[in-house]
Amino acid sequence: MAFSKVNSKGTTYYLHANERETKAGKKYFMYFFARDVRPDKEVEELPEGYEIIEMKTGLPALKKLK
């Protein structure tokens, strides 16, 4: 099951990741939240070094820890 977060409005969001590649060929993950679970992109747990914040609109987002 994907990592989930319930926002202040009561909506459940699930964490997903897309693997991307830079022009130099380095691979990285782009994390995003969605209301539905997409089996090929779901993430099981919160990535290390990130915390969850909530935008004004209620959409959760990941923020890198300093």
PDB file of N, CA and C in Angstrom:
ATOM      1  N   MET A   1       0.849  -1.191   0.000  1.00  0.00           N
ATOM      2  CA  MET A   1       0.000   0.000   0.000  1.00  0.00           C
ATOM      3  C   MET A   1       0.884   1.241   0.000  1.00  0.00           C
ATOM      4  N   ALA A   2       0.462   2.249  -0.711  1.00  0.00           N
ATOM      5  CA  ALA A   2       1.224   3.491  -0.830  1.00  0.00           C
ATOM      6  C   ALA A   2       1.166   4.298   0.470  1.00  0.00           C
ATOM      7  N   PHE A   3       2.199   5.098   0.701  1.00  0.00           N
ATOM      8  CA  PHE A   3       2.241   5.993   1.853  1.00  0.00           C
ATOM      9  C   PHE A   3       1.108   7.003   1.694  1.00  0.00           C
ATOM     10  N   SER A   4       0.301   7.200   2.746  1.00  0.00           N
ATOM     11  CA  SER A   4      -0.844   8.108   2.643  1.00  0.00           C
ATOM     12  C   SER A   4      -0.768   9.207   3.686  1.00  0.00           C
ATOM     13  N   LYS A   5      -1.423  10.326   3.382  1.00  0.00           N
ATOM     14  CA  LYS A   5      -1.477  11.494   4.267  1.00  0.00           C
ATOM     15  C   LYS A   5      -2.873  12.091   4.153  1.00  0.00           C
ATOM     16  N   VAL A   6      -3.507  12.327   5.296  1.00  0.00           N
ATOM     17  CA  VAL A   6      -4.819  12.982   5.317  1.00  0.00           C
ATOM     18  C   VAL A   6      -4.574  14.455   5.624  1.00  0.00           C
ATOM     19  N   ASN A   7      -5.061  15.338   4.737  1.00  0.00           N
ATOM     20  CA  ASN A   7      -4.826  16.772   4.942  1.00  0.00           C
ATOM     21  C   ASN A   7      -5.832  17.356   5.927  1.00  0.00           C
ATOM     22  N   SER A   8      -5.726  18.659   6.176  1.00  0.00           N
ATOM     23  CA  SER A   8      -6.589  19.328   7.158  1.00  0.00           C
ATOM     24  C   SER A   8      -8.057  19.353   6.736  1.00  0.00           C
ATOM     25  N   LYS A   9      -8.324  19.145   5.444  1.00  0.00           N
ATOM     26  CA  LYS A   9      -9.699  19.143   4.945  1.00  0.00           C
ATOM     27  C   LYS A   9     -10.314  17.744   4.956  1.00  0.00           C
ATOM     28  N   GLY A  10      -9.518  16.732   5.333  1.00  0.00           N
ATOM     29  CA  GLY A  10     -10.028  15.371   5.419  1.00  0.00           C
ATOM     30  C   GLY A  10      -9.846  14.539   4.167  1.00  0.00           C
ATOM     31  N   THR A  11      -9.133  15.039   3.175  1.00  0.00           N
ATOM     32  CA  THR A  11      -8.897  14.308   1.938  1.00  0.00           C
ATOM     33  C   THR A  11      -7.619  13.480   2.065  1.00  0.00           C
ATOM     34  N   THR A  12      -7.669  12.237   1.605  1.00  0.00           N
ATOM     35  CA  THR A  12      -6.497  11.363   1.659  1.00  0.00           C
ATOM     36  C   THR A  12      -5.712  11.471   0.361  1.00  0.00           C
ATOM     37  N   TYR A  13      -4.404  11.661   0.494  1.00  0.00           N
ATOM     38  CA  TYR A  13      -3.491  11.727  -0.647  1.00  0.00           C
ATOM     39  C   TYR A  13      -2.453  10.630  -0.506  1.00  0.00           C
ATOM     40  N   TYR A  14      -1.998  10.089  -1.650  1.00  0.00           N
ATOM     41  CA  TYR A  14      -1.025   9.004  -1.671  1.00  0.00           C
ATOM     42  C   TYR A  14       0.254   9.474  -2.361  1.00  0.00           C
ATOM     43  N   LEU A  15       1.394   9.046  -1.821  1.00  0.00           N
ATOM     44  CA  LEU A  15       2.697   9.456  -2.333  1.00  0.00           C
ATOM     45  C   LEU A  15       3.114   8.579  -3.510  1.00  0.00           C
ATOM     46  N   HIS A  16       3.603   9.234  -4.576  1.00  0.00           N
ATOM     47  CA  HIS A  16       4.076   8.558  -5.779  1.00  0.00           C
ATOM     48  C   HIS A  16       5.432   9.123  -6.174  1.00  0.00           C
ATOM     49  N   ALA A  17       6.119   8.431  -7.076  1.00  0.00           N
ATOM     50  CA  ALA A  17       7.415   8.901  -7.566  1.00  0.00           C
ATOM     51  C   ALA A  17       7.569   8.550  -9.039  1.00  0.00           C
ATOM     52  N   ASN A  18       8.147   9.486  -9.788  1.00  0.00           N
ATOM     53  CA  ASN A  18       8.532   9.263 -11.176  1.00  0.00           C
ATOM     54  C   ASN A  18      10.044   9.280 -11.239  1.00  0.00           C
ATOM     55  N   GLU A  19      10.632   8.309 -11.929  1.00  0.00           N
ATOM     56  CA  GLU A  19      12.081   8.334 -12.113  1.00  0.00           C
ATOM     57  C   GLU A  19      12.385   9.175 -13.344  1.00  0.00           C
ATOM     58  N   ARG A  20      13.247  10.159 -13.191  1.00  0.00           N
ATOM     59  CA  ARG A  20      13.616  11.070 -14.272  1.00  0.00           C
ATOM     60  C   ARG A  20      15.110  10.983 -14.528  1.00  0.00           C
ATOM     61  N   GLU A  21      15.529  11.555 -15.645  1.00  0.00           N
ATOM     62  CA  GLU A  21      16.943  11.579 -15.988  1.00  0.00           C
ATOM     63  C   GLU A  21      17.319  12.977 -16.462  1.00  0.00           C
ATOM     64  N   THR A  22      18.435  13.489 -15.947  1.00  0.00           N
ATOM     65  CA  THR A  22      18.912  14.805 -16.368  1.00  0.00           C
ATOM     66  C   THR A  22      19.579  14.689 -17.736  1.00  0.00           C
ATOM     67  N   LYS A  23      19.904  15.827 -18.330  1.00  0.00           N
ATOM     68  CA  LYS A  23      20.597  15.817 -19.620  1.00  0.00           C
ATOM     69  C   LYS A  23      21.959  15.148 -19.512  1.00  0.00           C
ATOM     70  N   ALA A  24      22.560  15.227 -18.331  1.00  0.00           N
ATOM     71  CA  ALA A  24      23.869  14.605 -18.104  1.00  0.00           C
ATOM     72  C   ALA A  24      23.758  13.096 -17.871  1.00  0.00           C
ATOM     73  N   GLY A  25      22.544  12.588 -17.729  1.00  0.00           N
ATOM     74  CA  GLY A  25      22.337  11.158 -17.556  1.00  0.00           C
ATOM     75  C   GLY A  25      22.151  10.701 -16.125  1.00  0.00           C
ATOM     76  N   LYS A  26      22.140  11.637 -15.178  1.00  0.00           N
ATOM     77  CA  LYS A  26      21.949  11.277 -13.772  1.00  0.00           C
ATOM     78  C   LYS A  26      20.464  11.028 -13.511  1.00  0.00           C
ATOM     79  N   LYS A  27      20.160   9.937 -12.808  1.00  0.00           N
ATOM     80  CA  LYS A  27      18.762   9.607 -12.512  1.00  0.00           C
ATOM     81  C   LYS A  27      18.375  10.131 -11.138  1.00  0.00           C
ATOM     82  N   TYR A  28      17.126  10.584 -11.019  1.00  0.00           N
ATOM     83  CA  TYR A  28      16.594  11.072  -9.751  1.00  0.00           C
ATOM     84  C   TYR A  28      15.095  10.802  -9.717  1.00  0.00           C
ATOM     85  N   PHE A  29      14.497  10.943  -8.532  1.00  0.00           N
ATOM     86  CA  PHE A  29      13.063  10.717  -8.378  1.00  0.00           C
ATOM     87  C   PHE A  29      12.340  12.036  -8.152  1.00  0.00           C
ATOM     88  N   MET A  30      11.211  12.215  -8.830  1.00  0.00           N
ATOM     89  CA  MET A  30      10.335  13.358  -8.625  1.00  0.00           C
ATOM     90  C   MET A  30       9.131  12.825  -7.841  1.00  0.00           C
ATOM     91  N   TYR A  31       8.949  13.319  -6.623  1.00  0.00           N
ATOM     92  CA  TYR A  31       7.870  12.849  -5.749  1.00  0.00           C
ATOM     93  C   TYR A  31       6.649  13.747  -5.881  1.00  0.00           C
ATOM     94  N   PHE A  32       5.454  13.131  -5.822  1.00  0.00           N
ATOM     95  CA  PHE A  32       4.211  13.897  -5.881  1.00  0.00           C
ATOM     96  C   PHE A  32       3.108  13.147  -5.153  1.00  0.00           C
ATOM     97  N   PHE A  33       2.089  13.890  -4.728  1.00  0.00           N
ATOM     98  CA  PHE A  33       0.921  13.311  -4.069  1.00  0.00           C
ATOM     99  C   PHE A  33      -0.257  13.328  -5.032  1.00  0.00           C
ATOM    100  N   ALA A  34      -1.098  12.292  -4.970  1.00  0.00           N
ATOM    101  CA  ALA A  34      -2.305  12.200  -5.789  1.00  0.00           C
ATOM    102  C   ALA A  34      -3.421  11.600  -4.944  1.00  0.00           C
ATOM    103  N   ARG A  35      -4.656  11.867  -5.337  1.00  0.00           N
ATOM    104  CA  ARG A  35      -5.807  11.343  -4.586  1.00  0.00           C
ATOM    105  C   ARG A  35      -6.027   9.855  -4.814  1.00  0.00           C
ATOM    106  N   ASP A  36      -5.587   9.343  -5.965  1.00  0.00           N
ATOM    107  CA  ASP A  36      -5.752   7.923  -6.261  1.00  0.00           C
ATOM    108  C   ASP A  36      -4.399   7.217  -6.208  1.00  0.00           C
ATOM    109  N   VAL A  37      -4.437   5.893  -6.069  1.00  0.00           N
ATOM    110  CA  VAL A  37      -3.211   5.096  -6.025  1.00  0.00           C
ATOM    111  C   VAL A  37      -2.897   4.623  -7.437  1.00  0.00           C
ATOM    112  N   ARG A  38      -1.672   4.888  -7.877  1.00  0.00           N
ATOM    113  CA  ARG A  38      -1.205   4.431  -9.183  1.00  0.00           C
ATOM    114  C   ARG A  38      -0.170   3.334  -8.926  1.00  0.00           C
ATOM    115  N   PRO A  39      -0.544   2.080  -9.146  1.00  0.00           N
ATOM    116  CA  PRO A  39       0.298   0.948  -8.724  1.00  0.00           C
ATOM    117  C   PRO A  39       1.734   0.973  -9.248  1.00  0.00           C
ATOM    118  N   ASP A  40       1.957   1.485 -10.442  1.00  0.00           N
ATOM    119  CA  ASP A  40       3.307   1.479 -11.007  1.00  0.00           C
ATOM    120  C   ASP A  40       4.193   2.600 -10.463  1.00  0.00           C
ATOM    121  N   LYS A  41       3.613   3.571  -9.727  1.00  0.00           N
ATOM    122  CA  LYS A  41       4.384   4.712  -9.236  1.00  0.00           C
ATOM    123  C   LYS A  41       4.306   4.910  -7.730  1.00  0.00           C
ATOM    124  N   GLU A  42       3.611   4.049  -7.015  1.00  0.00           N
ATOM    125  CA  GLU A  42       3.404   4.254  -5.583  1.00  0.00           C
ATOM    126  C   GLU A  42       4.695   4.087  -4.784  1.00  0.00           C
ATOM    127  N   VAL A  43       4.783   4.820  -3.662  1.00  0.00           N
ATOM    128  CA  VAL A  43       5.926   4.760  -2.753  1.00  0.00           C
ATOM    129  C   VAL A  43       5.419   4.229  -1.414  1.00  0.00           C
ATOM    130  N   GLU A  44       6.103   3.234  -0.859  1.00  0.00           N
ATOM    131  CA  GLU A  44       5.655   2.564   0.360  1.00  0.00           C
ATOM    132  C   GLU A  44       5.880   3.383   1.629  1.00  0.00           C
ATOM    133  N   GLU A  45       6.980   4.150   1.700  1.00  0.00           N
ATOM    134  CA  GLU A  45       7.275   4.917   2.912  1.00  0.00           C
ATOM    135  C   GLU A  45       7.893   6.258   2.541  1.00  0.00           C
ATOM    136  N   LEU A  46       7.883   7.162   3.494  1.00  0.00           N
ATOM    137  CA  LEU A  46       8.421   8.503   3.296  1.00  0.00           C
ATOM    138  C   LEU A  46       9.919   8.423   3.026  1.00  0.00           C
ATOM    139  N   PRO A  47      10.413   9.062   1.948  1.00  0.00           N
ATOM    140  CA  PRO A  47      11.846   9.017   1.654  1.00  0.00           C
ATOM    141  C   PRO A  47      12.671   9.677   2.758  1.00  0.00           C
ATOM    142  N   GLU A  48      13.849   9.146   2.997  1.00  0.00           N
ATOM    143  CA  GLU A  48      14.741   9.676   4.030  1.00  0.00           C
ATOM    144  C   GLU A  48      15.209  11.077   3.632  1.00  0.00           C
ATOM    145  N   GLY A  49      15.197  11.995   4.594  1.00  0.00           N
ATOM    146  CA  GLY A  49      15.652  13.351   4.334  1.00  0.00           C
ATOM    147  C   GLY A  49      14.555  14.301   3.880  1.00  0.00           C
ATOM    148  N   TYR A  50      13.289  13.863   3.937  1.00  0.00           N
ATOM    149  CA  TYR A  50      12.159  14.694   3.534  1.00  0.00           C
ATOM    150  C   TYR A  50      11.160  14.798   4.678  1.00  0.00           C
ATOM    151  N   GLU A  51      10.386  15.884   4.684  1.00  0.00           N
ATOM    152  CA  GLU A  51       9.272  16.037   5.609  1.00  0.00           C
ATOM    153  C   GLU A  51       8.047  16.462   4.810  1.00  0.00           C
ATOM    154  N   ILE A  52       6.866  16.250   5.375  1.00  0.00           N
ATOM    155  CA  ILE A  52       5.621  16.607   4.692  1.00  0.00           C
ATOM    156  C   ILE A  52       5.163  17.974   5.174  1.00  0.00           C
ATOM    157  N   ILE A  53       4.839  18.843   4.218  1.00  0.00           N
ATOM    158  CA  ILE A  53       4.234  20.133   4.527  1.00  0.00           C
ATOM    159  C   ILE A  53       2.896  20.192   3.798  1.00  0.00           C
ATOM    160  N   GLU A  54       2.043  21.121   4.195  1.00  0.00           N
ATOM    161  CA  GLU A  54       0.752  21.283   3.527  1.00  0.00           C
ATOM    162  C   GLU A  54       0.655  22.694   2.968  1.00  0.00           C
ATOM    163  N   MET A  55       0.344  22.783   1.678  1.00  0.00           N
ATOM    164  CA  MET A  55       0.199  24.088   1.035  1.00  0.00           C
ATOM    165  C   MET A  55      -1.115  24.735   1.461  1.00  0.00           C
ATOM    166  N   LYS A  56      -1.284  26.000   1.133  1.00  0.00           N
ATOM    167  CA  LYS A  56      -2.508  26.731   1.487  1.00  0.00           C
ATOM    168  C   LYS A  56      -3.759  26.068   0.921  1.00  0.00           C
ATOM    169  N   THR A  57      -3.615  25.427  -0.235  1.00  0.00           N
ATOM    170  CA  THR A  57      -4.748  24.779  -0.892  1.00  0.00           C
ATOM    171  C   THR A  57      -5.115  23.440  -0.264  1.00  0.00           C
ATOM    172  N   GLY A  58      -4.277  22.941   0.656  1.00  0.00           N
ATOM    173  CA  GLY A  58      -4.533  21.662   1.300  1.00  0.00           C
ATOM    174  C   GLY A  58      -3.748  20.516   0.690  1.00  0.00           C
ATOM    175  N   LEU A  59      -3.044  20.770  -0.415  1.00  0.00           N
ATOM    176  CA  LEU A  59      -2.265  19.731  -1.073  1.00  0.00           C
ATOM    177  C   LEU A  59      -0.974  19.475  -0.304  1.00  0.00           C
ATOM    178  N   PRO A  60      -0.706  18.231   0.083  1.00  0.00           N
ATOM    179  CA  PRO A  60       0.555  17.935   0.771  1.00  0.00           C
ATOM    180  C   PRO A  60       1.716  17.956  -0.219  1.00  0.00           C
ATOM    181  N   ALA A  61       2.903  18.263   0.282  1.00  0.00           N
ATOM    182  CA  ALA A  61       4.110  18.294  -0.542  1.00  0.00           C
ATOM    183  C   ALA A  61       5.281  17.841   0.309  1.00  0.00           C
ATOM    184  N   LEU A  62       6.338  17.390  -0.350  1.00  0.00           N
ATOM    185  CA  LEU A  62       7.552  16.990   0.356  1.00  0.00           C
ATOM    186  C   LEU A  62       8.541  18.143   0.345  1.00  0.00           C
ATOM    187  N   LYS A  63       9.235  18.311   1.469  1.00  0.00           N
ATOM    188  CA  LYS A  63      10.251  19.350   1.598  1.00  0.00           C
ATOM    189  C   LYS A  63      11.517  18.685   2.105  1.00  0.00           C
ATOM    190  N   LYS A  64      12.652  19.002   1.464  1.00  0.00           N
ATOM    191  CA  LYS A  64      13.927  18.440   1.908  1.00  0.00           C
ATOM    192  C   LYS A  64      14.331  19.044   3.229  1.00  0.00           C
ATOM    193  N   LEU A  65      14.822  18.203   4.130  1.00  0.00           N
ATOM    194  CA  LEU A  65      15.340  18.681   5.410  1.00  0.00           C
ATOM    195  C   LEU A  65      16.721  19.280   5.194  1.00  0.00           C
ATOM    196  N   LYS A  66      17.037  20.293   5.960  1.00  0.00           N
ATOM    197  CA  LYS A  66      18.354  20.937   5.823  1.00  0.00           C
ATOM    198  C   LYS A  66      19.374  20.270   6.694  1.00  0.00           C
TER     199      LYS A  66
END
